[in-house]
């Protein structure tokens, strides 16, 4: 299975959400990272 960069970010965000609980801020940061690339 090919892993896409976006999948990695989303999986990382999900793990952080479980640990920290602030998913909305994480989604914003991920979208900034994607837009920079």
C-alpha atoms as a PDB file:
ATOM      1  CA  UNK A   1       0.000   0.000   0.000  1.00  0.00           C
ATOM      2  CA  UNK A   2       1.379   3.383  -1.012  1.00  0.00           C
ATOM      3  CA  UNK A   3       1.487   5.927   1.767  1.00  0.00           C
ATOM      4  CA  UNK A   4       0.671   9.508   0.856  1.00  0.00           C
ATOM      5  CA  UNK A   5       2.113  12.488   2.698  1.00  0.00           C
ATOM      6  CA  UNK A   6      -1.354  13.731   3.650  1.00  0.00           C
ATOM      7  CA  UNK A   7      -2.156  10.360   5.203  1.00  0.00           C
ATOM      8  CA  UNK A   8       0.930  10.633   7.389  1.00  0.00           C
ATOM      9  CA  UNK A   9      -0.097  14.098   8.587  1.00  0.00           C
ATOM     10  CA  UNK A  10      -3.650  13.005   9.320  1.00  0.00           C
ATOM     11  CA  UNK A  11      -2.513   9.881  11.159  1.00  0.00           C
ATOM     12  CA  UNK A  12      -0.101  11.987  13.203  1.00  0.00           C
ATOM     13  CA  UNK A  13      -2.862  14.472  13.971  1.00  0.00           C
ATOM     14  CA  UNK A  14      -5.129  11.673  15.156  1.00  0.00           C
ATOM     15  CA  UNK A  15      -2.452  10.373  17.514  1.00  0.00           C
ATOM     16  CA  UNK A  16      -1.866  13.875  18.853  1.00  0.00           C
ATOM     17  CA  UNK A  17      -5.608  14.399  19.283  1.00  0.00           C
ATOM     18  CA  UNK A  18      -5.764  11.328  21.499  1.00  0.00           C
ATOM     19  CA  UNK A  19      -2.807  12.594  23.519  1.00  0.00           C
ATOM     20  CA  UNK A  20      -3.642  16.297  23.652  1.00  0.00           C
ATOM     21  CA  UNK A  21      -7.235  16.728  22.521  1.00  0.00           C
ATOM     22  CA  UNK A  22      -6.872  19.895  20.413  1.00  0.00           C
ATOM     23  CA  UNK A  23      -7.790  18.645  16.960  1.00  0.00           C
ATOM     24  CA  UNK A  24      -8.908  21.937  15.407  1.00  0.00           C
ATOM     25  CA  UNK A  25      -5.535  23.649  15.892  1.00  0.00           C
ATOM     26  CA  UNK A  26      -3.781  20.544  14.583  1.00  0.00           C
ATOM     27  CA  UNK A  27      -5.920  20.567  11.422  1.00  0.00           C
ATOM     28  CA  UNK A  28      -4.938  24.183  10.801  1.00  0.00           C
ATOM     29  CA  UNK A  29      -1.243  23.436  11.286  1.00  0.00           C
ATOM     30  CA  UNK A  30      -1.464  20.419   8.970  1.00  0.00           C
ATOM     31  CA  UNK A  31      -3.179  22.468   6.274  1.00  0.00           C
ATOM     32  CA  UNK A  32      -0.429  25.105   6.527  1.00  0.00           C
ATOM     33  CA  UNK A  33       2.200  22.369   6.111  1.00  0.00           C
ATOM     34  CA  UNK A  34       0.422  20.968   3.068  1.00  0.00           C
ATOM     35  CA  UNK A  35       0.074  24.414   1.488  1.00  0.00           C
ATOM     36  CA  UNK A  36       3.782  25.135   2.002  1.00  0.00           C
ATOM     37  CA  UNK A  37       4.725  22.055  -0.056  1.00  0.00           C
END
